[in-house]
Amino acid sequence: MKEALRSSEDILQAFPKCKVVANTFRFDESNGINYYTAIYADGGFHSSADYTADHVVDKVGSGDCFMGGLIYGFYNELSPKETLDFATAAAFEKLFIEGDATRSTVDDILKAIPNES
């Protein structure tokens, strides 16, 4: 995550009108995946929970779901951390749906967000 923070700060310095930088990290492990994300917004840096699965159905569209989740979160005025958690869960859930579009509802995505203590 240290590199995500550094690159976010570099982007924000190079592009002063930019307000948010988000990163996804998707590491293939045999037939499975390790997935997590980060966001720099409002002067703070946040990272998601780690998501892992032994098998995925389709990776196509997961990045679109992440971006859609970010848009949903900011549109609905969620905090940057809540926005990141929603976007990450949306992207991860897409990995288990065939094709390039999701069928997950907002409720499905909210249920997929891990409870962090």
C-alpha atoms as a PDB file:
ATOM      1  CA  MET A   1       0.000   0.000   0.000  1.00  0.00           C
ATOM      2  CA  LYS A   2       2.982   2.275   0.451  1.00  0.00           C
ATOM      3  CA  GLU A   3       3.400   2.526  -3.329  1.00  0.00           C
ATOM      4  CA  ALA A   4      -0.307   3.314  -3.797  1.00  0.00           C
ATOM      5  CA  LEU A   5      -0.008   6.163  -1.309  1.00  0.00           C
ATOM      6  CA  ARG A   6       3.130   7.516  -2.970  1.00  0.00           C
ATOM      7  CA  SER A   7       1.698   7.319  -6.489  1.00  0.00           C
ATOM      8  CA  SER A   8      -1.555   8.950  -5.294  1.00  0.00           C
ATOM      9  CA  GLU A   9       0.378  11.843  -3.786  1.00  0.00           C
ATOM     10  CA  ASP A  10       2.445  12.166  -6.975  1.00  0.00           C
ATOM     11  CA  ILE A  11      -0.693  12.286  -9.142  1.00  0.00           C
ATOM     12  CA  LEU A  12      -2.361  14.865  -6.907  1.00  0.00           C
ATOM     13  CA  GLN A  13       0.756  17.019  -6.963  1.00  0.00           C
ATOM     14  CA  ALA A  14       1.092  16.788 -10.751  1.00  0.00           C
ATOM     15  CA  PHE A  15      -2.626  17.424 -11.340  1.00  0.00           C
ATOM     16  CA  PRO A  16      -3.886  19.919  -8.726  1.00  0.00           C
ATOM     17  CA  LYS A  17      -7.484  19.769 -10.002  1.00  0.00           C
ATOM     18  CA  CYS A  18      -7.605  16.019  -9.339  1.00  0.00           C
ATOM     19  CA  LYS A  19      -9.463  15.335  -6.086  1.00  0.00           C
ATOM     20  CA  VAL A  20      -9.462  11.526  -5.836  1.00  0.00           C
ATOM     21  CA  VAL A  21      -7.075   8.734  -6.802  1.00  0.00           C
ATOM     22  CA  ALA A  22      -8.197   5.109  -6.581  1.00  0.00           C
ATOM     23  CA  ASN A  23      -6.186   1.943  -7.187  1.00  0.00           C
ATOM     24  CA  THR A  24      -7.107  -1.713  -7.625  1.00  0.00           C
ATOM     25  CA  PHE A  25      -4.759  -4.613  -7.012  1.00  0.00           C
ATOM     26  CA  ARG A  26      -5.720  -7.947  -8.551  1.00  0.00           C
ATOM     27  CA  PHE A  27      -3.269 -10.815  -8.192  1.00  0.00           C
ATOM     28  CA  ASP A  28      -4.042 -14.080  -9.936  1.00  0.00           C
ATOM     29  CA  GLU A  29      -3.303 -17.154  -7.873  1.00  0.00           C
ATOM     30  CA  SER A  30      -3.739 -20.343  -9.930  1.00  0.00           C
ATOM     31  CA  ASN A  31      -7.508 -20.301 -10.683  1.00  0.00           C
ATOM     32  CA  GLY A  32      -8.179 -17.909  -7.819  1.00  0.00           C
ATOM     33  CA  ILE A  33      -7.508 -14.298  -6.966  1.00  0.00           C
ATOM     34  CA  ASN A  34      -6.314 -11.918  -4.264  1.00  0.00           C
ATOM     35  CA  TYR A  35      -7.980  -8.505  -4.603  1.00  0.00           C
ATOM     36  CA  TYR A  36      -7.782  -5.239  -2.675  1.00  0.00           C
ATOM     37  CA  THR A  37      -8.030  -1.522  -3.364  1.00  0.00           C
ATOM     38  CA  ALA A  38      -7.023   1.906  -2.087  1.00  0.00           C
ATOM     39  CA  ILE A  39      -8.306   5.462  -2.310  1.00  0.00           C
ATOM     40  CA  TYR A  40      -6.813   8.858  -1.590  1.00  0.00           C
ATOM     41  CA  ALA A  41      -9.527  11.466  -1.089  1.00  0.00           C
ATOM     42  CA  ASP A  42     -10.155  14.471   1.139  1.00  0.00           C
ATOM     43  CA  GLY A  43      -6.526  14.392   2.291  1.00  0.00           C
ATOM     44  CA  GLY A  44      -6.814  10.825   3.623  1.00  0.00           C
ATOM     45  CA  PHE A  45      -5.631   7.443   2.399  1.00  0.00           C
ATOM     46  CA  HIS A  46      -7.782   4.339   2.878  1.00  0.00           C
ATOM     47  CA  SER A  47      -7.373   0.702   1.906  1.00  0.00           C
ATOM     48  CA  SER A  48      -9.947  -2.026   1.577  1.00  0.00           C
ATOM     49  CA  ALA A  49     -10.121  -5.414   3.188  1.00  0.00           C
ATOM     50  CA  ASP A  50      -8.295  -8.198   1.366  1.00  0.00           C
ATOM     51  CA  TYR A  51     -10.609 -10.335  -0.738  1.00  0.00           C
ATOM     52  CA  THR A  52      -9.550 -13.817  -1.802  1.00  0.00           C
ATOM     53  CA  ALA A  53     -11.195 -16.603  -3.741  1.00  0.00           C
ATOM     54  CA  ASP A  54     -10.019 -20.000  -4.938  1.00  0.00           C
ATOM     55  CA  HIS A  55     -11.912 -19.679  -8.215  1.00  0.00           C
ATOM     56  CA  VAL A  56     -13.379 -16.852 -10.298  1.00  0.00           C
ATOM     57  CA  VAL A  57     -15.916 -17.091 -13.111  1.00  0.00           C
ATOM     58  CA  ASP A  58     -15.088 -14.023 -15.213  1.00  0.00           C
ATOM     59  CA  LYS A  59     -12.733 -11.078 -14.665  1.00  0.00           C
ATOM     60  CA  VAL A  60     -14.210  -8.988 -17.490  1.00  0.00           C
ATOM     61  CA  GLY A  61     -16.199  -6.055 -16.139  1.00  0.00           C
ATOM     62  CA  SER A  62     -14.800  -6.035 -12.611  1.00  0.00           C
ATOM     63  CA  GLY A  63     -12.950  -2.761 -13.236  1.00  0.00           C
ATOM     64  CA  ASP A  64     -16.144  -1.210 -14.595  1.00  0.00           C
ATOM     65  CA  CYS A  65     -17.964  -2.347 -11.451  1.00  0.00           C
ATOM     66  CA  PHE A  66     -15.246  -0.767  -9.302  1.00  0.00           C
ATOM     67  CA  MET A  67     -15.657   2.543 -11.133  1.00  0.00           C
ATOM     68  CA  GLY A  68     -19.434   2.266 -10.939  1.00  0.00           C
ATOM     69  CA  GLY A  69     -19.121   1.671  -7.198  1.00  0.00           C
ATOM     70  CA  LEU A  70     -16.975   4.782  -6.824  1.00  0.00           C
ATOM     71  CA  ILE A  71     -19.531   6.842  -8.741  1.00  0.00           C
ATOM     72  CA  TYR A  72     -22.354   5.393  -6.640  1.00  0.00           C
ATOM     73  CA  GLY A  73     -20.538   6.198  -3.400  1.00  0.00           C
ATOM     74  CA  PHE A  74     -19.641   9.758  -4.267  1.00  0.00           C
ATOM     75  CA  TYR A  75     -23.069  10.451  -5.789  1.00  0.00           C
ATOM     76  CA  ASN A  76     -24.712   9.228  -2.589  1.00  0.00           C
ATOM     77  CA  GLU A  77     -22.265  11.250  -0.470  1.00  0.00           C
ATOM     78  CA  LEU A  78     -20.709   8.280   1.286  1.00  0.00           C
ATOM     79  CA  SER A  79     -17.394   8.847   3.029  1.00  0.00           C
ATOM     80  CA  PRO A  80     -14.274   7.970   1.015  1.00  0.00           C
ATOM     81  CA  LYS A  81     -13.835   4.757   3.078  1.00  0.00           C
ATOM     82  CA  GLU A  82     -17.485   3.750   2.625  1.00  0.00           C
ATOM     83  CA  THR A  83     -17.215   4.531  -1.085  1.00  0.00           C
ATOM     84  CA  LEU A  84     -14.079   2.397  -1.369  1.00  0.00           C
ATOM     85  CA  ASP A  85     -15.667  -0.496   0.511  1.00  0.00           C
ATOM     86  CA  PHE A  86     -18.748  -0.386  -1.729  1.00  0.00           C
ATOM     87  CA  ALA A  87     -16.712  -0.178  -4.946  1.00  0.00           C
ATOM     88  CA  THR A  88     -14.404  -2.997  -3.869  1.00  0.00           C
ATOM     89  CA  ALA A  89     -17.286  -5.309  -2.982  1.00  0.00           C
ATOM     90  CA  ALA A  90     -19.014  -4.484  -6.287  1.00  0.00           C
ATOM     91  CA  ALA A  91     -15.880  -5.367  -8.251  1.00  0.00           C
ATOM     92  CA  PHE A  92     -15.190  -8.538  -6.282  1.00  0.00           C
ATOM     93  CA  GLU A  93     -18.761  -9.788  -6.613  1.00  0.00           C
ATOM     94  CA  LYS A  94     -18.541  -9.318 -10.399  1.00  0.00           C
ATOM     95  CA  LEU A  95     -15.755 -11.926 -10.495  1.00  0.00           C
ATOM     96  CA  PHE A  96     -18.398 -14.616  -9.874  1.00  0.00           C
ATOM     97  CA  ILE A  97     -20.777 -13.514 -12.646  1.00  0.00           C
ATOM     98  CA  GLU A  98     -20.288 -14.631 -16.232  1.00  0.00           C
ATOM     99  CA  GLY A  99     -20.154 -11.913 -18.880  1.00  0.00           C
ATOM    100  CA  ASP A 100     -19.153  -8.288 -18.779  1.00  0.00           C
ATOM    101  CA  ALA A 101     -22.100  -6.912 -16.760  1.00  0.00           C
ATOM    102  CA  THR A 102     -23.111  -7.391 -13.155  1.00  0.00           C
ATOM    103  CA  ARG A 103     -26.453  -8.569 -11.871  1.00  0.00           C
ATOM    104  CA  SER A 104     -25.683  -7.542  -8.289  1.00  0.00           C
ATOM    105  CA  THR A 105     -28.046  -5.130  -6.584  1.00  0.00           C
ATOM    106  CA  VAL A 106     -27.008  -2.443  -4.115  1.00  0.00           C
ATOM    107  CA  ASP A 107     -28.285  -4.743  -1.361  1.00  0.00           C
ATOM    108  CA  ASP A 108     -26.165  -7.648  -2.670  1.00  0.00           C
ATOM    109  CA  ILE A 109     -23.086  -5.447  -2.653  1.00  0.00           C
ATOM    110  CA  LEU A 110     -23.733  -4.076   0.828  1.00  0.00           C
ATOM    111  CA  LYS A 111     -24.044  -7.656   2.139  1.00  0.00           C
ATOM    112  CA  ALA A 112     -20.693  -8.538   0.524  1.00  0.00           C
ATOM    113  CA  ILE A 113     -18.756  -5.862   2.433  1.00  0.00           C
ATOM    114  CA  PRO A 114     -16.822  -7.574   5.225  1.00  0.00           C
ATOM    115  CA  ASN A 115     -17.408  -6.298   8.753  1.00  0.00           C
ATOM    116  CA  GLU A 116     -14.105  -4.873   9.878  1.00  0.00           C
ATOM    117  CA  SER A 117     -13.624  -4.575  13.616  1.00  0.00           C
END
